[in-house]
Amino acid sequence: MEKPTYKELLEAGSHFGHLKKKWNPKMLPYIFMEKKGIHIIDLNRTADCMERAGLALKNIAKSGKKILYVATKKQARILVSEAAQTVNMPYVTERWLGGMMTNFSTIRKSIKKMQNYEKMLADGTLTNVTKKERLMITRQKAKLESVLGGIAQLNRLPSAMFIVDITHEHIALAEAHKLGIRTFAIVDTNSDPNQVDFPIPANDDASKSIALITNYVTGCIKEGLDARKRDKSEKEKASS
Protein backbone atom coordinates (compact mmCIF):
# COMPACT_ATOMS: atom_id res chain seq x y z
CA MET A 1 0.00 0.00 0.00
CA GLU A 2 1.48 3.32 -1.08
CA LYS A 3 1.62 5.73 1.84
CA PRO A 4 0.14 9.23 1.48
CA THR A 5 2.51 11.88 0.19
CA TYR A 6 3.70 14.84 2.24
CA LYS A 7 1.39 17.06 0.18
CA GLU A 8 -1.65 14.83 0.85
CA LEU A 9 -0.97 14.87 4.60
CA LEU A 10 -0.56 18.65 4.46
CA GLU A 11 -3.82 19.14 2.53
CA ALA A 12 -5.66 16.91 5.03
CA GLY A 13 -4.45 19.13 7.88
CA SER A 14 -2.63 16.23 9.53
CA HIS A 15 0.09 18.62 10.75
CA PHE A 16 -2.15 20.71 13.00
CA GLY A 17 -1.74 19.84 16.66
CA HIS A 18 -3.36 21.37 19.72
CA LEU A 19 -2.61 24.65 21.49
CA LYS A 20 0.83 24.68 23.07
CA LYS A 21 -0.69 24.95 26.56
CA LYS A 22 -2.49 21.62 26.01
CA TRP A 23 0.53 19.66 24.83
CA ASN A 24 2.00 16.50 26.29
CA PRO A 25 5.80 16.93 26.56
CA LYS A 26 6.30 13.32 25.48
CA MET A 27 5.14 14.36 21.99
CA LEU A 28 8.22 16.58 21.61
CA PRO A 29 10.06 14.20 19.19
CA TYR A 30 7.12 14.46 16.79
CA ILE A 31 6.67 18.25 16.88
CA PHE A 32 8.20 20.31 14.08
CA MET A 33 7.53 23.81 15.41
CA GLU A 34 5.09 26.13 17.13
CA LYS A 35 3.05 28.59 15.08
CA LYS A 36 0.68 31.16 16.60
CA GLY A 37 0.46 29.17 19.81
CA ILE A 38 -0.33 25.88 18.01
CA HIS A 39 2.04 22.95 17.72
CA ILE A 40 2.81 21.76 14.20
CA ILE A 41 3.45 18.03 13.79
CA ASP A 42 6.46 16.84 11.79
CA LEU A 43 4.81 15.12 8.80
CA ASN A 44 8.04 13.29 7.91
CA ARG A 45 7.74 11.49 11.26
CA THR A 46 4.04 10.91 10.57
CA ALA A 47 4.85 9.22 7.24
CA ASP A 48 7.57 7.04 8.82
CA CYS A 49 5.27 5.97 11.67
CA MET A 50 2.44 5.21 9.23
CA GLU A 51 4.70 2.95 7.20
CA ARG A 52 5.89 1.10 10.31
CA ALA A 53 2.33 0.67 11.61
CA GLY A 54 1.04 -0.38 8.19
CA LEU A 55 3.63 -3.13 7.83
CA ALA A 56 2.83 -4.51 11.28
CA LEU A 57 -0.93 -4.45 10.60
CA LYS A 58 -0.39 -6.18 7.26
CA ASN A 59 1.45 -9.01 9.01
CA ILE A 60 -1.25 -9.35 11.68
CA ALA A 61 -3.94 -9.57 8.99
CA LYS A 62 -1.84 -12.05 7.01
CA SER A 63 -1.67 -14.30 10.08
CA GLY A 64 -5.48 -14.42 10.18
CA LYS A 65 -5.89 -12.44 13.40
CA LYS A 66 -8.48 -9.75 14.06
CA ILE A 67 -7.84 -6.01 14.38
CA LEU A 68 -10.44 -3.97 16.29
CA TYR A 69 -11.12 -0.41 15.08
CA VAL A 70 -12.08 2.03 17.86
CA ALA A 71 -13.36 5.56 17.14
CA THR A 72 -16.36 6.98 19.00
CA LYS A 73 -15.72 10.65 18.10
CA LYS A 74 -18.52 12.09 15.98
CA GLN A 75 -16.26 13.08 13.06
CA ALA A 76 -14.68 9.62 12.89
CA ARG A 77 -17.58 7.20 13.46
CA ILE A 78 -18.94 6.69 9.96
CA LEU A 79 -15.65 6.69 8.05
CA VAL A 80 -14.00 4.29 10.54
CA SER A 81 -16.94 1.85 10.61
CA GLU A 82 -17.07 1.83 6.80
CA ALA A 83 -13.30 1.22 6.58
CA ALA A 84 -13.49 -1.68 9.07
CA GLN A 85 -16.35 -3.28 7.16
CA THR A 86 -14.42 -3.23 3.86
CA VAL A 87 -11.86 -5.62 5.40
CA ASN A 88 -14.38 -7.50 7.58
CA MET A 89 -12.81 -6.32 10.84
CA PRO A 90 -14.68 -5.60 14.09
CA TYR A 91 -15.29 -2.02 15.17
CA VAL A 92 -16.64 0.10 18.01
CA THR A 93 -17.86 3.53 16.90
CA GLU A 94 -20.85 4.34 19.11
CA ARG A 95 -19.83 3.86 22.73
CA TRP A 96 -17.11 1.90 24.46
CA LEU A 97 -18.70 -0.14 27.23
CA GLY A 98 -16.42 -0.56 30.23
CA GLY A 99 -15.20 -4.17 30.21
CA MET A 100 -15.87 -4.62 26.50
CA MET A 101 -12.61 -6.56 26.24
CA THR A 102 -11.67 -7.32 29.86
CA ASN A 103 -15.12 -8.80 30.51
CA PHE A 104 -15.56 -10.26 27.03
CA SER A 105 -17.53 -13.33 28.13
CA THR A 106 -20.33 -11.11 29.49
CA ILE A 107 -20.28 -9.01 26.32
CA ARG A 108 -20.64 -12.20 24.28
CA LYS A 109 -23.81 -13.02 26.25
CA SER A 110 -25.26 -9.62 25.30
CA ILE A 111 -24.35 -10.25 21.65
CA LYS A 112 -26.10 -13.64 21.82
CA LYS A 113 -29.20 -11.94 23.24
CA MET A 114 -29.12 -9.42 20.37
CA GLN A 115 -28.80 -12.24 17.82
CA ASN A 116 -31.72 -14.08 19.43
CA TYR A 117 -33.86 -10.95 19.10
CA GLU A 118 -32.88 -10.71 15.42
CA LYS A 119 -33.86 -14.34 14.87
CA MET A 120 -37.19 -13.92 16.67
CA LEU A 121 -38.07 -10.85 14.61
CA ALA A 122 -37.10 -12.58 11.37
CA ASP A 123 -38.67 -16.03 11.77
CA GLY A 124 -42.12 -14.98 12.98
CA THR A 125 -41.68 -16.16 16.59
CA LEU A 126 -43.19 -12.91 17.81
CA THR A 127 -46.46 -13.14 15.86
CA ASN A 128 -48.36 -14.14 19.00
CA VAL A 129 -46.99 -11.44 21.32
CA THR A 130 -48.64 -8.08 21.87
CA LYS A 131 -47.73 -5.03 19.84
CA LYS A 132 -46.21 -3.45 22.97
CA GLU A 133 -43.99 -6.50 23.66
CA ARG A 134 -42.85 -6.61 20.05
CA LEU A 135 -41.99 -2.89 20.15
CA MET A 136 -40.03 -3.37 23.38
CA ILE A 137 -37.98 -6.22 21.86
CA THR A 138 -37.36 -4.21 18.69
CA ARG A 139 -36.08 -1.29 20.78
CA GLN A 140 -33.84 -3.52 22.91
CA LYS A 141 -32.40 -5.09 19.76
CA ALA A 142 -31.71 -1.68 18.22
CA LYS A 143 -30.03 -0.48 21.42
CA LEU A 144 -27.78 -3.54 21.60
CA GLU A 145 -27.03 -3.35 17.88
CA SER A 146 -25.88 0.28 18.05
CA VAL A 147 -23.27 -0.57 20.69
CA LEU A 148 -22.39 -4.19 19.88
CA GLY A 149 -23.24 -4.58 16.18
CA GLY A 150 -19.65 -3.92 15.11
CA ILE A 151 -18.26 -6.75 17.26
CA ALA A 152 -21.10 -9.26 16.71
CA GLN A 153 -18.84 -11.63 14.74
CA LEU A 154 -15.89 -11.31 17.15
CA ASN A 155 -15.66 -14.70 18.83
CA ARG A 156 -12.36 -14.13 20.61
CA LEU A 157 -10.25 -11.19 21.71
CA PRO A 158 -8.60 -9.25 18.87
CA SER A 159 -4.83 -9.29 18.47
CA ALA A 160 -4.63 -5.56 17.85
CA MET A 161 -6.55 -2.30 18.16
CA PHE A 162 -6.47 0.68 15.81
CA ILE A 163 -7.60 3.72 17.81
CA VAL A 164 -8.48 7.27 16.80
CA ASP A 165 -7.60 9.61 19.72
CA ILE A 166 -6.18 7.71 22.70
CA THR A 167 -7.16 10.48 25.14
CA HIS A 168 -10.81 10.16 24.13
CA GLU A 169 -10.59 6.34 24.06
CA HIS A 170 -8.55 5.98 27.27
CA ILE A 171 -10.75 3.16 28.60
CA ALA A 172 -10.27 1.07 25.46
CA LEU A 173 -6.53 1.73 25.60
CA ALA A 174 -6.34 0.70 29.27
CA GLU A 175 -8.17 -2.57 28.51
CA ALA A 176 -5.81 -3.27 25.60
CA HIS A 177 -2.82 -2.78 27.94
CA LYS A 178 -4.31 -5.08 30.56
CA LEU A 179 -4.86 -7.87 28.01
CA GLY A 180 -1.63 -7.43 26.06
CA ILE A 181 -3.43 -6.40 22.86
CA ARG A 182 -1.10 -4.51 20.51
CA THR A 183 -2.12 -0.91 19.96
CA PHE A 184 -1.97 1.30 16.85
CA ALA A 185 -3.29 4.85 17.10
CA ILE A 186 -3.50 8.33 15.67
CA VAL A 187 -1.86 10.38 18.42
CA ASP A 188 -2.24 14.15 18.65
CA THR A 189 -0.01 16.60 20.55
CA ASN A 190 -2.13 16.43 23.71
CA SER A 191 -1.52 12.68 24.18
CA ASP A 192 1.28 10.38 25.36
CA PRO A 193 2.66 8.41 22.37
CA ASN A 194 4.50 6.06 24.74
CA GLN A 195 1.13 4.57 25.68
CA VAL A 196 0.87 3.07 22.17
CA ASP A 197 2.92 0.33 20.52
CA PHE A 198 2.66 1.97 17.09
CA PRO A 199 1.79 5.69 17.44
CA ILE A 200 1.00 7.73 14.32
CA PRO A 201 1.52 11.42 15.19
CA ALA A 202 -1.20 13.43 13.45
CA ASN A 203 -4.29 15.57 13.84
CA ASP A 204 -6.94 13.29 15.36
CA ASP A 205 -9.75 15.87 15.17
CA ALA A 206 -9.97 16.74 11.47
CA SER A 207 -12.07 14.24 9.51
CA LYS A 208 -9.80 14.52 6.43
CA SER A 209 -6.73 13.61 8.49
CA ILE A 210 -8.54 10.71 10.18
CA ALA A 211 -9.83 9.45 6.80
CA LEU A 212 -6.41 9.61 5.11
CA ILE A 213 -4.66 7.62 7.83
CA THR A 214 -7.53 5.17 8.38
CA ASN A 215 -7.74 4.43 4.66
CA TYR A 216 -3.99 3.83 4.52
CA VAL A 217 -3.93 1.35 7.41
CA THR A 218 -7.05 -0.34 6.00
CA GLY A 219 -5.27 -0.72 2.66
CA CYS A 220 -2.33 -2.37 4.45
CA ILE A 221 -4.73 -4.75 6.23
CA LYS A 222 -6.33 -5.62 2.89
CA GLU A 223 -2.91 -6.42 1.44
CA GLY A 224 -2.30 -8.78 4.36
CA LEU A 225 -5.65 -10.50 3.84
CA ASP A 226 -5.00 -10.85 0.10
CA ALA A 227 -1.56 -12.35 0.78
CA ARG A 228 -3.14 -14.84 3.21
CA LYS A 229 -5.68 -15.84 0.56
CA ARG A 230 -2.95 -16.35 -2.04
CA ASP A 231 -0.84 -18.45 0.33
CA LYS A 232 -3.85 -20.60 1.17
CA SER A 233 -4.67 -21.08 -2.52
CA GLU A 234 -1.07 -22.05 -3.33
CA LYS A 235 -0.99 -24.59 -0.48
CA GLU A 236 -4.22 -26.15 -1.71
CA LYS A 237 -2.83 -26.44 -5.24
CA ALA A 238 0.40 -27.97 -3.95
CA SER A 239 -1.46 -30.59 -1.88
CA SER A 240 -3.86 -31.59 -4.68
C-alpha atoms as a PDB file:
ATOM      1  CA  MET A   1       0.000   0.000   0.000  1.00  0.00           C
ATOM      2  CA  GLU A   2       1.479   3.323  -1.078  1.00  0.00           C
ATOM      3  CA  LYS A   3       1.616   5.729   1.838  1.00  0.00           C
ATOM      4  CA  PRO A   4       0.140   9.225   1.485  1.00  0.00           C
ATOM      5  CA  THR A   5       2.506  11.883   0.186  1.00  0.00           C
ATOM      6  CA  TYR A   6       3.697  14.841   2.243  1.00  0.00           C
ATOM      7  CA  LYS A   7       1.387  17.062   0.180  1.00  0.00           C
ATOM      8  CA  GLU A   8      -1.653  14.834   0.850  1.00  0.00           C
ATOM      9  CA  LEU A   9      -0.973  14.866   4.599  1.00  0.00           C
ATOM     10  CA  LEU A  10      -0.565  18.647   4.456  1.00  0.00           C
ATOM     11  CA  GLU A  11      -3.820  19.139   2.528  1.00  0.00           C
ATOM     12  CA  ALA A  12      -5.656  16.912   5.027  1.00  0.00           C
ATOM     13  CA  GLY A  13      -4.453  19.131   7.878  1.00  0.00           C
ATOM     14  CA  SER A  14      -2.633  16.229   9.532  1.00  0.00           C
ATOM     15  CA  HIS A  15       0.090  18.615  10.751  1.00  0.00           C
ATOM     16  CA  PHE A  16      -2.151  20.713  13.001  1.00  0.00           C
ATOM     17  CA  GLY A  17      -1.737  19.836  16.656  1.00  0.00           C
ATOM     18  CA  HIS A  18      -3.360  21.371  19.723  1.00  0.00           C
ATOM     19  CA  LEU A  19      -2.607  24.655  21.485  1.00  0.00           C
ATOM     20  CA  LYS A  20       0.834  24.679  23.074  1.00  0.00           C
ATOM     21  CA  LYS A  21      -0.689  24.949  26.563  1.00  0.00           C
ATOM     22  CA  LYS A  22      -2.486  21.616  26.014  1.00  0.00           C
ATOM     23  CA  TRP A  23       0.530  19.658  24.825  1.00  0.00           C
ATOM     24  CA  ASN A  24       1.999  16.500  26.287  1.00  0.00           C
ATOM     25  CA  PRO A  25       5.805  16.933  26.557  1.00  0.00           C
ATOM     26  CA  LYS A  26       6.299  13.318  25.477  1.00  0.00           C
ATOM     27  CA  MET A  27       5.142  14.359  21.991  1.00  0.00           C
ATOM     28  CA  LEU A  28       8.224  16.583  21.613  1.00  0.00           C
ATOM     29  CA  PRO A  29      10.065  14.199  19.190  1.00  0.00           C
ATOM     30  CA  TYR A  30       7.117  14.463  16.789  1.00  0.00           C
ATOM     31  CA  ILE A  31       6.669  18.249  16.885  1.00  0.00           C
ATOM     32  CA  PHE A  32       8.202  20.310  14.083  1.00  0.00           C
ATOM     33  CA  MET A  33       7.527  23.806  15.408  1.00  0.00           C
ATOM     34  CA  GLU A  34       5.085  26.128  17.132  1.00  0.00           C
ATOM     35  CA  LYS A  35       3.053  28.594  15.081  1.00  0.00           C
ATOM     36  CA  LYS A  36       0.677  31.156  16.604  1.00  0.00           C
ATOM     37  CA  GLY A  37       0.459  29.166  19.814  1.00  0.00           C
ATOM     38  CA  ILE A  38      -0.329  25.875  18.011  1.00  0.00           C
ATOM     39  CA  HIS A  39       2.041  22.947  17.720  1.00  0.00           C
ATOM     40  CA  ILE A  40       2.810  21.759  14.195  1.00  0.00           C
ATOM     41  CA  ILE A  41       3.449  18.027  13.792  1.00  0.00           C
ATOM     42  CA  ASP A  42       6.461  16.839  11.790  1.00  0.00           C
ATOM     43  CA  LEU A  43       4.814  15.121   8.803  1.00  0.00           C
ATOM     44  CA  ASN A  44       8.038  13.287   7.914  1.00  0.00           C
ATOM     45  CA  ARG A  45       7.739  11.493  11.262  1.00  0.00           C
ATOM     46  CA  THR A  46       4.043  10.910  10.571  1.00  0.00           C
ATOM     47  CA  ALA A  47       4.848   9.224   7.244  1.00  0.00           C
ATOM     48  CA  ASP A  48       7.565   7.039   8.819  1.00  0.00           C
ATOM     49  CA  CYS A  49       5.268   5.967  11.667  1.00  0.00           C
ATOM     50  CA  MET A  50       2.437   5.211   9.225  1.00  0.00           C
ATOM     51  CA  GLU A  51       4.704   2.945   7.198  1.00  0.00           C
ATOM     52  CA  ARG A  52       5.892   1.099  10.311  1.00  0.00           C
ATOM     53  CA  ALA A  53       2.328   0.668  11.615  1.00  0.00           C
ATOM     54  CA  GLY A  54       1.045  -0.380   8.186  1.00  0.00           C
ATOM     55  CA  LEU A  55       3.628  -3.132   7.826  1.00  0.00           C
ATOM     56  CA  ALA A  56       2.827  -4.513  11.282  1.00  0.00           C
ATOM     57  CA  LEU A  57      -0.929  -4.446  10.599  1.00  0.00           C
ATOM     58  CA  LYS A  58      -0.391  -6.176   7.257  1.00  0.00           C
ATOM     59  CA  ASN A  59       1.454  -9.012   9.012  1.00  0.00           C
ATOM     60  CA  ILE A  60      -1.251  -9.351  11.677  1.00  0.00           C
ATOM     61  CA  ALA A  61      -3.940  -9.574   8.991  1.00  0.00           C
ATOM     62  CA  LYS A  62      -1.843 -12.053   7.011  1.00  0.00           C
ATOM     63  CA  SER A  63      -1.667 -14.302  10.083  1.00  0.00           C
ATOM     64  CA  GLY A  64      -5.483 -14.416  10.177  1.00  0.00           C
ATOM     65  CA  LYS A  65      -5.888 -12.438  13.398  1.00  0.00           C
ATOM     66  CA  LYS A  66      -8.483  -9.746  14.063  1.00  0.00           C
ATOM     67  CA  ILE A  67      -7.845  -6.006  14.381  1.00  0.00           C
ATOM     68  CA  LEU A  68     -10.442  -3.965  16.293  1.00  0.00           C
ATOM     69  CA  TYR A  69     -11.116  -0.414  15.081  1.00  0.00           C
ATOM     70  CA  VAL A  70     -12.080   2.035  17.860  1.00  0.00           C
ATOM     71  CA  ALA A  71     -13.359   5.559  17.145  1.00  0.00           C
ATOM     72  CA  THR A  72     -16.357   6.979  19.002  1.00  0.00           C
ATOM     73  CA  LYS A  73     -15.723  10.653  18.103  1.00  0.00           C
ATOM     74  CA  LYS A  74     -18.524  12.091  15.982  1.00  0.00           C
ATOM     75  CA  GLN A  75     -16.263  13.082  13.064  1.00  0.00           C
ATOM     76  CA  ALA A  76     -14.678   9.624  12.895  1.00  0.00           C
ATOM     77  CA  ARG A  77     -17.581   7.200  13.464  1.00  0.00           C
ATOM     78  CA  ILE A  78     -18.939   6.692   9.956  1.00  0.00           C
ATOM     79  CA  LEU A  79     -15.655   6.687   8.054  1.00  0.00           C
ATOM     80  CA  VAL A  80     -14.001   4.286  10.541  1.00  0.00           C
ATOM     81  CA  SER A  81     -16.942   1.850  10.611  1.00  0.00           C
ATOM     82  CA  GLU A  82     -17.066   1.826   6.798  1.00  0.00           C
ATOM     83  CA  ALA A  83     -13.297   1.218   6.576  1.00  0.00           C
ATOM     84  CA  ALA A  84     -13.493  -1.676   9.072  1.00  0.00           C
ATOM     85  CA  GLN A  85     -16.354  -3.283   7.156  1.00  0.00           C
ATOM     86  CA  THR A  86     -14.418  -3.235   3.862  1.00  0.00           C
ATOM     87  CA  VAL A  87     -11.862  -5.619   5.401  1.00  0.00           C
ATOM     88  CA  ASN A  88     -14.381  -7.505   7.575  1.00  0.00           C
ATOM     89  CA  MET A  89     -12.812  -6.321  10.835  1.00  0.00           C
ATOM     90  CA  PRO A  90     -14.681  -5.600  14.095  1.00  0.00           C
ATOM     91  CA  TYR A  91     -15.293  -2.019  15.166  1.00  0.00           C
ATOM     92  CA  VAL A  92     -16.642   0.098  18.014  1.00  0.00           C
ATOM     93  CA  THR A  93     -17.859   3.525  16.901  1.00  0.00           C
ATOM     94  CA  GLU A  94     -20.846   4.345  19.115  1.00  0.00           C
ATOM     95  CA  ARG A  95     -19.834   3.865  22.734  1.00  0.00           C
ATOM     96  CA  TRP A  96     -17.109   1.901  24.459  1.00  0.00           C
ATOM     97  CA  LEU A  97     -18.704  -0.143  27.233  1.00  0.00           C
ATOM     98  CA  GLY A  98     -16.418  -0.562  30.234  1.00  0.00           C
ATOM     99  CA  GLY A  99     -15.198  -4.173  30.214  1.00  0.00           C
ATOM    100  CA  MET A 100     -15.867  -4.622  26.504  1.00  0.00           C
ATOM    101  CA  MET A 101     -12.609  -6.560  26.236  1.00  0.00           C
ATOM    102  CA  THR A 102     -11.665  -7.320  29.857  1.00  0.00           C
ATOM    103  CA  ASN A 103     -15.125  -8.795  30.506  1.00  0.00           C
ATOM    104  CA  PHE A 104     -15.558 -10.256  27.029  1.00  0.00           C
ATOM    105  CA  SER A 105     -17.527 -13.329  28.134  1.00  0.00           C
ATOM    106  CA  THR A 106     -20.325 -11.107  29.491  1.00  0.00           C
ATOM    107  CA  ILE A 107     -20.283  -9.009  26.323  1.00  0.00           C
ATOM    108  CA  ARG A 108     -20.638 -12.204  24.279  1.00  0.00           C
ATOM    109  CA  LYS A 109     -23.815 -13.021  26.248  1.00  0.00           C
ATOM    110  CA  SER A 110     -25.262  -9.624  25.296  1.00  0.00           C
ATOM    111  CA  ILE A 111     -24.349 -10.254  21.654  1.00  0.00           C
ATOM    112  CA  LYS A 112     -26.095 -13.637  21.820  1.00  0.00           C
ATOM    113  CA  LYS A 113     -29.195 -11.937  23.237  1.00  0.00           C
ATOM    114  CA  MET A 114     -29.123  -9.418  20.367  1.00  0.00           C
ATOM    115  CA  GLN A 115     -28.802 -12.240  17.820  1.00  0.00           C
ATOM    116  CA  ASN A 116     -31.722 -14.082  19.432  1.00  0.00           C
ATOM    117  CA  TYR A 117     -33.857 -10.945  19.103  1.00  0.00           C
ATOM    118  CA  GLU A 118     -32.878 -10.715  15.418  1.00  0.00           C
ATOM    119  CA  LYS A 119     -33.862 -14.345  14.870  1.00  0.00           C
ATOM    120  CA  MET A 120     -37.186 -13.918  16.672  1.00  0.00           C
ATOM    121  CA  LEU A 121     -38.075 -10.850  14.609  1.00  0.00           C
ATOM    122  CA  ALA A 122     -37.100 -12.577  11.368  1.00  0.00           C
ATOM    123  CA  ASP A 123     -38.673 -16.032  11.767  1.00  0.00           C
ATOM    124  CA  GLY A 124     -42.124 -14.980  12.980  1.00  0.00           C
ATOM    125  CA  THR A 125     -41.684 -16.160  16.592  1.00  0.00           C
ATOM    126  CA  LEU A 126     -43.192 -12.907  17.814  1.00  0.00           C
ATOM    127  CA  THR A 127     -46.457 -13.145  15.859  1.00  0.00           C
ATOM    128  CA  ASN A 128     -48.356 -14.143  18.995  1.00  0.00           C
ATOM    129  CA  VAL A 129     -46.995 -11.443  21.322  1.00  0.00           C
ATOM    130  CA  THR A 130     -48.640  -8.079  21.872  1.00  0.00           C
ATOM    131  CA  LYS A 131     -47.728  -5.032  19.844  1.00  0.00           C
ATOM    132  CA  LYS A 132     -46.210  -3.452  22.974  1.00  0.00           C
ATOM    133  CA  GLU A 133     -43.988  -6.500  23.658  1.00  0.00           C
ATOM    134  CA  ARG A 134     -42.847  -6.607  20.048  1.00  0.00           C
ATOM    135  CA  LEU A 135     -41.991  -2.891  20.150  1.00  0.00           C
ATOM    136  CA  MET A 136     -40.027  -3.372  23.381  1.00  0.00           C
ATOM    137  CA  ILE A 137     -37.977  -6.218  21.865  1.00  0.00           C
ATOM    138  CA  THR A 138     -37.365  -4.208  18.693  1.00  0.00           C
ATOM    139  CA  ARG A 139     -36.076  -1.293  20.775  1.00  0.00           C
ATOM    140  CA  GLN A 140     -33.836  -3.521  22.906  1.00  0.00           C
ATOM    141  CA  LYS A 141     -32.399  -5.095  19.758  1.00  0.00           C
ATOM    142  CA  ALA A 142     -31.705  -1.677  18.224  1.00  0.00           C
ATOM    143  CA  LYS A 143     -30.030  -0.477  21.419  1.00  0.00           C
ATOM    144  CA  LEU A 144     -27.775  -3.541  21.602  1.00  0.00           C
ATOM    145  CA  GLU A 145     -27.026  -3.346  17.885  1.00  0.00           C
ATOM    146  CA  SER A 146     -25.881   0.276  18.048  1.00  0.00           C
ATOM    147  CA  VAL A 147     -23.268  -0.569  20.686  1.00  0.00           C
ATOM    148  CA  LEU A 148     -22.391  -4.191  19.881  1.00  0.00           C
ATOM    149  CA  GLY A 149     -23.237  -4.579  16.184  1.00  0.00           C
ATOM    150  CA  GLY A 150     -19.650  -3.922  15.109  1.00  0.00           C
ATOM    151  CA  ILE A 151     -18.258  -6.751  17.258  1.00  0.00           C
ATOM    152  CA  ALA A 152     -21.096  -9.261  16.714  1.00  0.00           C
ATOM    153  CA  GLN A 153     -18.836 -11.627  14.742  1.00  0.00           C
ATOM    154  CA  LEU A 154     -15.887 -11.309  17.154  1.00  0.00           C
ATOM    155  CA  ASN A 155     -15.659 -14.703  18.830  1.00  0.00           C
ATOM    156  CA  ARG A 156     -12.363 -14.133  20.608  1.00  0.00           C
ATOM    157  CA  LEU A 157     -10.251 -11.191  21.711  1.00  0.00           C
ATOM    158  CA  PRO A 158      -8.605  -9.251  18.875  1.00  0.00           C
ATOM    159  CA  SER A 159      -4.826  -9.286  18.471  1.00  0.00           C
ATOM    160  CA  ALA A 160      -4.630  -5.562  17.854  1.00  0.00           C
ATOM    161  CA  MET A 161      -6.553  -2.304  18.162  1.00  0.00           C
ATOM    162  CA  PHE A 162      -6.473   0.678  15.814  1.00  0.00           C
ATOM    163  CA  ILE A 163      -7.595   3.722  17.813  1.00  0.00           C
ATOM    164  CA  VAL A 164      -8.475   7.267  16.797  1.00  0.00           C
ATOM    165  CA  ASP A 165      -7.596   9.607  19.715  1.00  0.00           C
ATOM    166  CA  ILE A 166      -6.178   7.714  22.698  1.00  0.00           C
ATOM    167  CA  THR A 167      -7.157  10.480  25.138  1.00  0.00           C
ATOM    168  CA  HIS A 168     -10.815  10.161  24.126  1.00  0.00           C
ATOM    169  CA  GLU A 169     -10.589   6.343  24.059  1.00  0.00           C
ATOM    170  CA  HIS A 170      -8.547   5.983  27.271  1.00  0.00           C
ATOM    171  CA  ILE A 171     -10.751   3.156  28.605  1.00  0.00           C
ATOM    172  CA  ALA A 172     -10.274   1.068  25.457  1.00  0.00           C
ATOM    173  CA  LEU A 173      -6.526   1.733  25.598  1.00  0.00           C
ATOM    174  CA  ALA A 174      -6.341   0.704  29.268  1.00  0.00           C
ATOM    175  CA  GLU A 175      -8.167  -2.568  28.510  1.00  0.00           C
ATOM    176  CA  ALA A 176      -5.809  -3.266  25.603  1.00  0.00           C
ATOM    177  CA  HIS A 177      -2.816  -2.776  27.942  1.00  0.00           C
ATOM    178  CA  LYS A 178      -4.310  -5.079  30.559  1.00  0.00           C
ATOM    179  CA  LEU A 179      -4.857  -7.868  28.005  1.00  0.00           C
ATOM    180  CA  GLY A 180      -1.628  -7.432  26.057  1.00  0.00           C
ATOM    181  CA  ILE A 181      -3.434  -6.396  22.865  1.00  0.00           C
ATOM    182  CA  ARG A 182      -1.101  -4.514  20.505  1.00  0.00           C
ATOM    183  CA  THR A 183      -2.124  -0.909  19.956  1.00  0.00           C
ATOM    184  CA  PHE A 184      -1.970   1.298  16.850  1.00  0.00           C
ATOM    185  CA  ALA A 185      -3.294   4.846  17.095  1.00  0.00           C
ATOM    186  CA  ILE A 186      -3.502   8.328  15.667  1.00  0.00           C
ATOM    187  CA  VAL A 187      -1.860  10.377  18.424  1.00  0.00           C
ATOM    188  CA  ASP A 188      -2.243  14.151  18.654  1.00  0.00           C
ATOM    189  CA  THR A 189      -0.006  16.599  20.546  1.00  0.00           C
ATOM    190  CA  ASN A 190      -2.134  16.433  23.708  1.00  0.00           C
ATOM    191  CA  SER A 191      -1.522  12.680  24.175  1.00  0.00           C
ATOM    192  CA  ASP A 192       1.279  10.383  25.355  1.00  0.00           C
ATOM    193  CA  PRO A 193       2.660   8.413  22.370  1.00  0.00           C
ATOM    194  CA  ASN A 194       4.498   6.062  24.741  1.00  0.00           C
ATOM    195  CA  GLN A 195       1.134   4.568  25.676  1.00  0.00           C
ATOM    196  CA  VAL A 196       0.868   3.071  22.173  1.00  0.00           C
ATOM    197  CA  ASP A 197       2.920   0.326  20.518  1.00  0.00           C
ATOM    198  CA  PHE A 198       2.656   1.972  17.087  1.00  0.00           C
ATOM    199  CA  PRO A 199       1.795   5.690  17.436  1.00  0.00           C
ATOM    200  CA  ILE A 200       1.002   7.733  14.321  1.00  0.00           C
ATOM    201  CA  PRO A 201       1.522  11.417  15.187  1.00  0.00           C
ATOM    202  CA  ALA A 202      -1.202  13.426  13.453  1.00  0.00           C
ATOM    203  CA  ASN A 203      -4.294  15.569  13.842  1.00  0.00           C
ATOM    204  CA  ASP A 204      -6.943  13.286  15.364  1.00  0.00           C
ATOM    205  CA  ASP A 205      -9.748  15.865  15.172  1.00  0.00           C
ATOM    206  CA  ALA A 206      -9.970  16.736  11.468  1.00  0.00           C
ATOM    207  CA  SER A 207     -12.072  14.238   9.507  1.00  0.00           C
ATOM    208  CA  LYS A 208      -9.802  14.519   6.432  1.00  0.00           C
ATOM    209  CA  SER A 209      -6.734  13.610   8.492  1.00  0.00           C
ATOM    210  CA  ILE A 210      -8.543  10.705  10.175  1.00  0.00           C
ATOM    211  CA  ALA A 211      -9.827   9.446   6.803  1.00  0.00           C
ATOM    212  CA  LEU A 212      -6.410   9.614   5.113  1.00  0.00           C
ATOM    213  CA  ILE A 213      -4.657   7.624   7.835  1.00  0.00           C
ATOM    214  CA  THR A 214      -7.533   5.170   8.385  1.00  0.00           C
ATOM    215  CA  ASN A 215      -7.744   4.431   4.659  1.00  0.00           C
ATOM    216  CA  TYR A 216      -3.991   3.830   4.518  1.00  0.00           C
ATOM    217  CA  VAL A 217      -3.934   1.346   7.412  1.00  0.00           C
ATOM    218  CA  THR A 218      -7.047  -0.339   6.000  1.00  0.00           C
ATOM    219  CA  GLY A 219      -5.266  -0.723   2.662  1.00  0.00           C
ATOM    220  CA  CYS A 220      -2.334  -2.372   4.453  1.00  0.00           C
ATOM    221  CA  ILE A 221      -4.726  -4.754   6.235  1.00  0.00           C
ATOM    222  CA  LYS A 222      -6.331  -5.620   2.892  1.00  0.00           C
ATOM    223  CA  GLU A 223      -2.908  -6.424   1.443  1.00  0.00           C
ATOM    224  CA  GLY A 224      -2.297  -8.781   4.365  1.00  0.00           C
ATOM    225  CA  LEU A 225      -5.654 -10.501   3.845  1.00  0.00           C
ATOM    226  CA  ASP A 226      -4.997 -10.855   0.103  1.00  0.00           C
ATOM    227  CA  ALA A 227      -1.561 -12.350   0.781  1.00  0.00           C
ATOM    228  CA  ARG A 228      -3.142 -14.841   3.208  1.00  0.00           C
ATOM    229  CA  LYS A 229      -5.684 -15.839   0.561  1.00  0.00           C
ATOM    230  CA  ARG A 230      -2.947 -16.350  -2.042  1.00  0.00           C
ATOM    231  CA  ASP A 231      -0.838 -18.454   0.333  1.00  0.00           C
ATOM    232  CA  LYS A 232      -3.847 -20.603   1.171  1.00  0.00           C
ATOM    233  CA  SER A 233      -4.668 -21.081  -2.518  1.00  0.00           C
ATOM    234  CA  GLU A 234      -1.070 -22.055  -3.330  1.00  0.00           C
ATOM    235  CA  LYS A 235      -0.987 -24.590  -0.480  1.00  0.00           C
ATOM    236  CA  GLU A 236      -4.225 -26.151  -1.711  1.00  0.00           C
ATOM    237  CA  LYS A 237      -2.831 -26.436  -5.241  1.00  0.00           C
ATOM    238  CA  ALA A 238       0.398 -27.968  -3.954  1.00  0.00           C
ATOM    239  CA  SER A 239      -1.459 -30.590  -1.881  1.00  0.00           C
ATOM    240  CA  SER A 240      -3.859 -31.592  -4.676  1.00  0.00           C
END
